[in-house]
N, C-alpha and C. Protein backbone atom coordinates (compact mmCIF):
# COMPACT_ATOMS: atom_id res chain seq x y z
N MET A 1 67.58 6.14 42.44
CA MET A 1 67.16 5.02 43.24
C MET A 1 68.32 4.08 43.56
N ARG A 2 69.17 3.87 42.57
CA ARG A 2 70.31 2.99 42.78
C ARG A 2 71.28 3.58 43.81
N THR A 3 71.49 4.88 43.77
CA THR A 3 72.36 5.56 44.73
C THR A 3 71.81 5.39 46.14
N PHE A 4 70.51 5.49 46.28
CA PHE A 4 69.87 5.33 47.59
C PHE A 4 70.12 3.93 48.14
N LYS A 5 70.03 2.91 47.32
CA LYS A 5 70.27 1.53 47.74
C LYS A 5 71.72 1.34 48.18
N ILE A 6 72.63 1.95 47.45
CA ILE A 6 74.04 1.83 47.80
C ILE A 6 74.30 2.51 49.14
N ILE A 7 73.75 3.71 49.31
CA ILE A 7 73.93 4.44 50.58
C ILE A 7 73.31 3.66 51.73
N ALA A 8 72.12 3.11 51.51
CA ALA A 8 71.45 2.33 52.55
C ALA A 8 72.28 1.09 52.90
N ALA A 9 72.85 0.44 51.89
CA ALA A 9 73.69 -0.74 52.14
C ALA A 9 74.93 -0.38 52.94
N VAL A 10 75.56 0.75 52.58
CA VAL A 10 76.77 1.19 53.30
C VAL A 10 76.42 1.49 54.76
N PHE A 11 75.35 2.25 54.98
CA PHE A 11 74.96 2.57 56.36
C PHE A 11 74.59 1.30 57.14
N SER A 12 73.94 0.37 56.49
CA SER A 12 73.60 -0.89 57.14
C SER A 12 74.86 -1.64 57.56
N LEU A 13 75.83 -1.71 56.67
CA LEU A 13 77.08 -2.41 57.00
C LEU A 13 77.83 -1.71 58.12
N VAL A 14 77.86 -0.38 58.08
CA VAL A 14 78.52 0.37 59.16
C VAL A 14 77.79 0.12 60.47
N GLY A 15 76.46 0.14 60.44
CA GLY A 15 75.68 -0.12 61.65
C GLY A 15 75.93 -1.52 62.19
N ILE A 16 75.95 -2.50 61.32
CA ILE A 16 76.22 -3.88 61.73
C ILE A 16 77.63 -3.98 62.32
N GLY A 17 78.57 -3.26 61.74
CA GLY A 17 79.94 -3.25 62.26
C GLY A 17 80.00 -2.67 63.66
N PHE A 18 79.29 -1.56 63.89
CA PHE A 18 79.28 -0.97 65.23
C PHE A 18 78.65 -1.92 66.24
N ILE A 19 77.54 -2.53 65.86
CA ILE A 19 76.87 -3.45 66.78
C ILE A 19 77.76 -4.66 67.07
N ALA A 20 78.37 -5.22 66.05
CA ALA A 20 79.26 -6.37 66.25
C ALA A 20 80.45 -5.97 67.13
N GLY A 21 81.00 -4.80 66.89
CA GLY A 21 82.13 -4.31 67.70
C GLY A 21 81.74 -4.12 69.15
N PHE A 22 80.55 -3.57 69.37
CA PHE A 22 80.07 -3.35 70.74
C PHE A 22 79.97 -4.68 71.49
N PHE A 23 79.30 -5.67 70.87
CA PHE A 23 79.12 -6.94 71.56
C PHE A 23 80.43 -7.71 71.71
N THR A 24 81.32 -7.59 70.74
CA THR A 24 82.62 -8.23 70.86
C THR A 24 83.41 -7.62 72.01
N HIS A 25 83.40 -6.30 72.09
CA HIS A 25 84.11 -5.62 73.19
C HIS A 25 83.52 -6.02 74.53
N ARG A 26 82.20 -6.08 74.62
CA ARG A 26 81.54 -6.47 75.86
C ARG A 26 81.94 -7.90 76.26
N TYR A 27 81.96 -8.80 75.30
CA TYR A 27 82.33 -10.18 75.58
C TYR A 27 83.76 -10.27 76.09
N VAL A 28 84.68 -9.58 75.44
CA VAL A 28 86.09 -9.60 75.85
C VAL A 28 86.25 -9.00 77.24
N ALA A 29 85.56 -7.90 77.50
CA ALA A 29 85.65 -7.27 78.82
C ALA A 29 85.12 -8.20 79.90
N LEU A 30 84.00 -8.85 79.66
CA LEU A 30 83.46 -9.79 80.64
C LEU A 30 84.39 -10.97 80.88
N GLN A 31 85.05 -11.44 79.84
CA GLN A 31 86.01 -12.53 80.00
C GLN A 31 87.16 -12.10 80.91
N GLN A 32 87.63 -10.89 80.73
CA GLN A 32 88.72 -10.37 81.57
C GLN A 32 88.26 -10.24 83.02
N ILE A 33 87.05 -9.74 83.21
CA ILE A 33 86.51 -9.59 84.57
C ILE A 33 86.41 -10.95 85.24
N HIS A 34 85.92 -11.95 84.52
CA HIS A 34 85.80 -13.30 85.10
C HIS A 34 87.18 -13.89 85.40
N LYS A 35 88.13 -13.61 84.55
CA LYS A 35 89.49 -14.11 84.76
C LYS A 35 90.08 -13.54 86.06
N VAL A 36 89.88 -12.25 86.26
CA VAL A 36 90.37 -11.61 87.49
C VAL A 36 89.61 -12.16 88.70
N ALA A 37 88.30 -12.34 88.55
CA ALA A 37 87.50 -12.88 89.66
C ALA A 37 87.94 -14.29 90.03
N GLU A 38 88.30 -15.10 89.05
CA GLU A 38 88.76 -16.46 89.33
C GLU A 38 90.06 -16.46 90.13
N MET A 39 90.86 -15.42 89.97
CA MET A 39 92.14 -15.38 90.69
C MET A 39 91.95 -15.04 92.16
N ARG A 40 90.73 -14.70 92.58
CA ARG A 40 90.46 -14.45 93.99
C ARG A 40 90.48 -15.73 94.80
N LEU A 41 90.20 -16.86 94.12
CA LEU A 41 90.15 -18.15 94.79
C LEU A 41 91.45 -18.91 94.57
N PRO A 42 91.87 -19.70 95.53
CA PRO A 42 93.16 -20.41 95.41
C PRO A 42 93.36 -21.19 94.11
N PRO A 43 92.40 -22.01 93.66
CA PRO A 43 92.66 -22.76 92.42
C PRO A 43 92.90 -21.85 91.21
N GLY A 44 92.13 -20.79 91.10
CA GLY A 44 92.30 -19.86 89.98
C GLY A 44 93.62 -19.12 90.05
N PHE A 45 94.01 -18.72 91.26
CA PHE A 45 95.28 -18.03 91.44
C PHE A 45 96.44 -18.93 91.06
N GLU A 46 96.39 -20.17 91.56
CA GLU A 46 97.47 -21.13 91.26
C GLU A 46 97.58 -21.38 89.77
N GLU A 47 96.44 -21.64 89.14
CA GLU A 47 96.45 -21.93 87.71
C GLU A 47 97.02 -20.76 86.91
N HIS A 48 96.61 -19.57 87.27
CA HIS A 48 97.08 -18.37 86.57
C HIS A 48 98.59 -18.20 86.76
N LEU A 49 99.07 -18.40 87.98
CA LEU A 49 100.51 -18.24 88.25
C LEU A 49 101.32 -19.27 87.46
N TYR A 50 100.87 -20.52 87.49
CA TYR A 50 101.58 -21.56 86.74
C TYR A 50 101.60 -21.25 85.24
N HIS A 51 100.49 -20.73 84.75
CA HIS A 51 100.41 -20.37 83.33
C HIS A 51 101.38 -19.23 83.00
N ILE A 52 101.45 -18.23 83.86
CA ILE A 52 102.32 -17.07 83.61
C ILE A 52 103.79 -17.47 83.60
N ILE A 53 104.18 -18.31 84.55
CA ILE A 53 105.61 -18.67 84.62
C ILE A 53 105.94 -19.86 83.72
N GLY A 54 104.91 -20.48 83.16
CA GLY A 54 105.15 -21.61 82.27
C GLY A 54 105.68 -22.83 83.00
N ALA A 55 105.15 -23.09 84.19
CA ALA A 55 105.63 -24.21 85.00
C ALA A 55 105.16 -25.54 84.41
N ASP A 56 106.09 -26.48 84.30
CA ASP A 56 105.71 -27.81 83.83
C ASP A 56 105.13 -28.58 85.02
N SER A 57 104.65 -29.79 84.78
CA SER A 57 103.96 -30.54 85.83
C SER A 57 104.89 -30.86 87.01
N GLU A 58 106.16 -31.11 86.74
CA GLU A 58 107.11 -31.38 87.83
C GLU A 58 107.30 -30.14 88.71
N GLN A 59 107.46 -29.00 88.08
CA GLN A 59 107.61 -27.75 88.84
C GLN A 59 106.34 -27.46 89.63
N GLN A 60 105.18 -27.72 89.03
CA GLN A 60 103.92 -27.47 89.73
C GLN A 60 103.84 -28.31 91.00
N LYS A 61 104.30 -29.55 90.93
CA LYS A 61 104.30 -30.41 92.12
C LYS A 61 105.21 -29.83 93.20
N GLN A 62 106.36 -29.30 92.79
CA GLN A 62 107.30 -28.73 93.76
C GLN A 62 106.77 -27.42 94.34
N LEU A 63 106.16 -26.62 93.49
CA LEU A 63 105.68 -25.30 93.91
C LEU A 63 104.35 -25.35 94.66
N HIS A 64 103.59 -26.39 94.44
CA HIS A 64 102.22 -26.44 94.96
C HIS A 64 102.09 -26.11 96.45
N PRO A 65 102.86 -26.72 97.34
CA PRO A 65 102.65 -26.41 98.76
C PRO A 65 102.83 -24.92 99.08
N ILE A 66 103.83 -24.31 98.48
CA ILE A 66 104.11 -22.90 98.74
C ILE A 66 103.01 -22.03 98.12
N VAL A 67 102.76 -22.25 96.84
CA VAL A 67 101.79 -21.43 96.12
C VAL A 67 100.39 -21.60 96.71
N HIS A 68 100.04 -22.83 97.07
CA HIS A 68 98.71 -23.09 97.65
C HIS A 68 98.55 -22.33 98.96
N SER A 69 99.59 -22.32 99.76
CA SER A 69 99.53 -21.60 101.03
C SER A 69 99.29 -20.11 100.81
N TYR A 70 100.06 -19.53 99.91
CA TYR A 70 99.90 -18.10 99.63
C TYR A 70 98.57 -17.80 98.94
N ALA A 71 98.12 -18.68 98.07
CA ALA A 71 96.85 -18.46 97.38
C ALA A 71 95.71 -18.41 98.39
N GLY A 72 95.76 -19.30 99.37
CA GLY A 72 94.74 -19.29 100.42
C GLY A 72 94.77 -18.01 101.22
N ARG A 73 95.96 -17.55 101.55
CA ARG A 73 96.09 -16.31 102.31
C ARG A 73 95.63 -15.11 101.51
N ILE A 74 95.92 -15.10 100.21
CA ILE A 74 95.47 -14.01 99.34
C ILE A 74 93.94 -14.01 99.28
N SER A 75 93.35 -15.18 99.19
CA SER A 75 91.89 -15.28 99.16
C SER A 75 91.29 -14.75 100.47
N GLU A 76 91.92 -15.07 101.59
CA GLU A 76 91.45 -14.58 102.88
C GLU A 76 91.53 -13.06 102.96
N VAL A 77 92.59 -12.48 102.43
CA VAL A 77 92.74 -11.02 102.42
C VAL A 77 91.59 -10.40 101.63
N HIS A 78 91.28 -10.98 100.50
CA HIS A 78 90.19 -10.46 99.68
C HIS A 78 88.86 -10.55 100.44
N THR A 79 88.60 -11.69 101.06
CA THR A 79 87.36 -11.87 101.81
C THR A 79 87.29 -10.91 102.99
N ASP A 80 88.41 -10.75 103.70
CA ASP A 80 88.45 -9.81 104.83
C ASP A 80 88.22 -8.39 104.36
N PHE A 81 88.81 -8.05 103.21
CA PHE A 81 88.65 -6.70 102.67
C PHE A 81 87.17 -6.42 102.38
N ARG A 82 86.51 -7.38 101.75
CA ARG A 82 85.09 -7.18 101.43
C ARG A 82 84.26 -7.04 102.71
N ALA A 83 84.56 -7.85 103.72
CA ALA A 83 83.83 -7.77 104.98
C ALA A 83 84.06 -6.42 105.66
N ARG A 84 85.29 -5.95 105.65
CA ARG A 84 85.60 -4.64 106.26
C ARG A 84 84.91 -3.52 105.49
N ARG A 85 84.92 -3.60 104.16
CA ARG A 85 84.27 -2.58 103.34
C ARG A 85 82.77 -2.56 103.63
N LYS A 86 82.15 -3.73 103.74
CA LYS A 86 80.72 -3.81 104.04
C LYS A 86 80.44 -3.21 105.41
N ALA A 87 81.28 -3.50 106.40
CA ALA A 87 81.09 -2.95 107.74
C ALA A 87 81.19 -1.42 107.72
N LEU A 88 82.14 -0.90 106.97
CA LEU A 88 82.28 0.56 106.86
C LEU A 88 81.05 1.20 106.20
N ILE A 89 80.58 0.58 105.15
CA ILE A 89 79.40 1.12 104.46
C ILE A 89 78.18 1.06 105.38
N ASP A 90 78.00 -0.05 106.09
CA ASP A 90 76.88 -0.16 107.02
C ASP A 90 76.97 0.89 108.12
N SER A 91 78.18 1.11 108.62
CA SER A 91 78.40 2.13 109.65
C SER A 91 78.05 3.53 109.12
N MET A 92 78.50 3.82 107.91
CA MET A 92 78.20 5.11 107.31
C MET A 92 76.69 5.28 107.16
N HIS A 93 76.00 4.23 106.70
CA HIS A 93 74.55 4.32 106.53
C HIS A 93 73.87 4.64 107.85
N GLN A 94 74.31 4.01 108.93
CA GLN A 94 73.71 4.26 110.24
C GLN A 94 73.93 5.70 110.68
N GLU A 95 75.07 6.26 110.34
CA GLU A 95 75.35 7.66 110.72
C GLU A 95 74.58 8.67 109.89
N ILE A 96 74.40 8.38 108.61
CA ILE A 96 73.75 9.38 107.75
C ILE A 96 72.23 9.26 107.73
N LYS A 97 71.68 8.12 108.08
CA LYS A 97 70.23 7.94 108.02
C LYS A 97 69.46 8.96 108.86
N PRO A 98 69.92 9.30 110.08
CA PRO A 98 69.16 10.30 110.85
C PRO A 98 69.11 11.68 110.15
N LEU A 99 70.01 11.94 109.26
CA LEU A 99 70.06 13.23 108.58
C LEU A 99 69.29 13.25 107.27
N LEU A 100 68.72 12.10 106.88
CA LEU A 100 68.03 11.98 105.61
C LEU A 100 66.52 12.00 105.80
N THR A 101 65.82 12.36 104.75
CA THR A 101 64.36 12.26 104.77
C THR A 101 63.96 10.81 104.60
N GLU A 102 62.69 10.50 104.87
CA GLU A 102 62.20 9.13 104.70
C GLU A 102 62.40 8.67 103.26
N GLU A 103 62.14 9.55 102.32
CA GLU A 103 62.30 9.21 100.91
C GLU A 103 63.76 8.89 100.59
N GLN A 104 64.69 9.67 101.13
CA GLN A 104 66.11 9.42 100.89
C GLN A 104 66.56 8.13 101.54
N VAL A 105 66.05 7.83 102.73
CA VAL A 105 66.39 6.57 103.40
C VAL A 105 65.90 5.40 102.56
N GLN A 106 64.68 5.54 102.02
CA GLN A 106 64.13 4.47 101.18
C GLN A 106 64.98 4.29 99.93
N LYS A 107 65.42 5.39 99.32
CA LYS A 107 66.28 5.30 98.13
C LYS A 107 67.60 4.62 98.47
N LEU A 108 68.18 4.97 99.62
CA LEU A 108 69.44 4.36 100.06
C LEU A 108 69.26 2.87 100.30
N ASP A 109 68.18 2.49 100.97
CA ASP A 109 67.92 1.07 101.22
C ASP A 109 67.68 0.31 99.92
N ASP A 110 66.92 0.91 99.01
CA ASP A 110 66.68 0.26 97.71
C ASP A 110 67.98 0.08 96.95
N PHE A 111 68.83 1.10 96.95
CA PHE A 111 70.11 1.01 96.26
C PHE A 111 70.97 -0.10 96.87
N SER A 112 71.03 -0.14 98.20
CA SER A 112 71.84 -1.16 98.87
C SER A 112 71.34 -2.56 98.55
N ARG A 113 70.04 -2.74 98.59
CA ARG A 113 69.46 -4.05 98.28
C ARG A 113 69.75 -4.44 96.83
N HIS A 114 69.56 -3.49 95.93
CA HIS A 114 69.82 -3.74 94.50
C HIS A 114 71.30 -4.07 94.28
N PHE A 115 72.20 -3.36 94.96
CA PHE A 115 73.64 -3.59 94.81
C PHE A 115 74.01 -4.99 95.30
N ARG A 116 73.47 -5.39 96.46
CA ARG A 116 73.77 -6.73 96.99
C ARG A 116 73.27 -7.83 96.05
N GLU A 117 72.06 -7.65 95.53
CA GLU A 117 71.51 -8.65 94.61
C GLU A 117 72.34 -8.73 93.33
N ARG A 118 72.74 -7.58 92.81
CA ARG A 118 73.54 -7.56 91.58
C ARG A 118 74.90 -8.19 91.82
N THR A 119 75.49 -7.93 92.98
CA THR A 119 76.80 -8.50 93.31
C THR A 119 76.70 -10.02 93.43
N LYS A 120 75.64 -10.51 94.05
CA LYS A 120 75.47 -11.96 94.20
C LYS A 120 75.35 -12.63 92.84
N LYS A 121 74.65 -11.99 91.91
CA LYS A 121 74.48 -12.57 90.57
C LYS A 121 75.78 -12.60 89.80
N ARG A 122 76.65 -11.62 90.03
CA ARG A 122 77.90 -11.52 89.27
C ARG A 122 78.95 -12.49 89.73
N ARG A 123 78.92 -12.89 91.00
CA ARG A 123 79.96 -13.77 91.52
C ARG A 123 79.92 -15.12 90.86
N PRO A 124 81.09 -15.64 90.51
CA PRO A 124 81.12 -16.99 89.95
C PRO A 124 80.67 -18.01 90.99
N PRO A 125 80.06 -19.12 90.56
CA PRO A 125 79.56 -20.14 91.51
C PRO A 125 80.64 -20.65 92.45
N GLU A 126 81.88 -20.76 91.96
CA GLU A 126 82.96 -21.27 92.82
C GLU A 126 83.18 -20.35 94.00
N GLU A 127 83.10 -19.03 93.78
CA GLU A 127 83.34 -18.09 94.87
C GLU A 127 82.19 -18.14 95.87
N LYS A 128 80.95 -18.30 95.38
CA LYS A 128 79.82 -18.41 96.28
C LYS A 128 79.98 -19.64 97.16
N ASN A 129 80.34 -20.77 96.56
CA ASN A 129 80.53 -22.00 97.32
C ASN A 129 81.68 -21.86 98.30
N HIS A 130 82.76 -21.19 97.88
CA HIS A 130 83.92 -21.00 98.74
C HIS A 130 83.54 -20.18 99.98
N GLN A 131 82.74 -19.16 99.78
CA GLN A 131 82.34 -18.33 100.91
C GLN A 131 81.49 -19.13 101.88
N HIS A 132 80.55 -19.94 101.36
CA HIS A 132 79.72 -20.75 102.23
C HIS A 132 80.56 -21.77 102.99
N ASP A 133 81.56 -22.36 102.34
CA ASP A 133 82.46 -23.30 103.01
C ASP A 133 83.20 -22.61 104.14
N GLY A 134 83.67 -21.40 103.88
CA GLY A 134 84.39 -20.65 104.91
C GLY A 134 83.50 -20.33 106.09
N LEU A 135 82.24 -19.98 105.83
CA LEU A 135 81.31 -19.70 106.91
C LEU A 135 81.03 -20.96 107.72
N ARG A 136 80.87 -22.09 107.02
CA ARG A 136 80.64 -23.36 107.72
C ARG A 136 81.82 -23.70 108.62
N GLU A 137 83.04 -23.53 108.08
CA GLU A 137 84.23 -23.83 108.86
C GLU A 137 84.32 -22.93 110.07
N LYS A 138 83.99 -21.64 109.89
CA LYS A 138 84.05 -20.68 110.98
C LYS A 138 83.03 -21.04 112.06
N ARG A 139 81.79 -21.42 111.64
CA ARG A 139 80.76 -21.79 112.58
C ARG A 139 81.15 -23.07 113.32
N ASN A 140 81.71 -24.03 112.60
CA ASN A 140 82.09 -25.29 113.22
C ASN A 140 83.21 -25.12 114.23
N SER A 141 84.08 -24.12 114.01
CA SER A 141 85.20 -23.93 114.93
C SER A 141 84.78 -23.17 116.18
N ASP A 142 83.63 -22.47 116.11
CA ASP A 142 83.15 -21.69 117.27
C ASP A 142 82.56 -22.53 118.34
């Protein structure tokens, strides 16, 4: 009976270790993903660059106009890339839908809707606000 308790305790500890490791790994991975996502926007890109090069506040003031300009352009490239990718996927869907059964079309539409909803939930609030600001600016300039 005592041996059984020892074995059960060991397996319990190993199980707890695996579970703790899994959730720790997941947390670290999500932090990295959010860090990369923050660099898509100018403030996150600037902050990350200043941190990497170890710029002091005086250097940041000197570098800001240059870095801010490039950070904005990098953000635009990312936004343009996503828009182009979406247009390509939409175009592909229009071409393949006539070749699919009704059930397959429904599956494709469900997948697309689910993907868009999941993507919206994953985006940080700053990026969502940034995109809306960009759309407002674009509409106002038209």
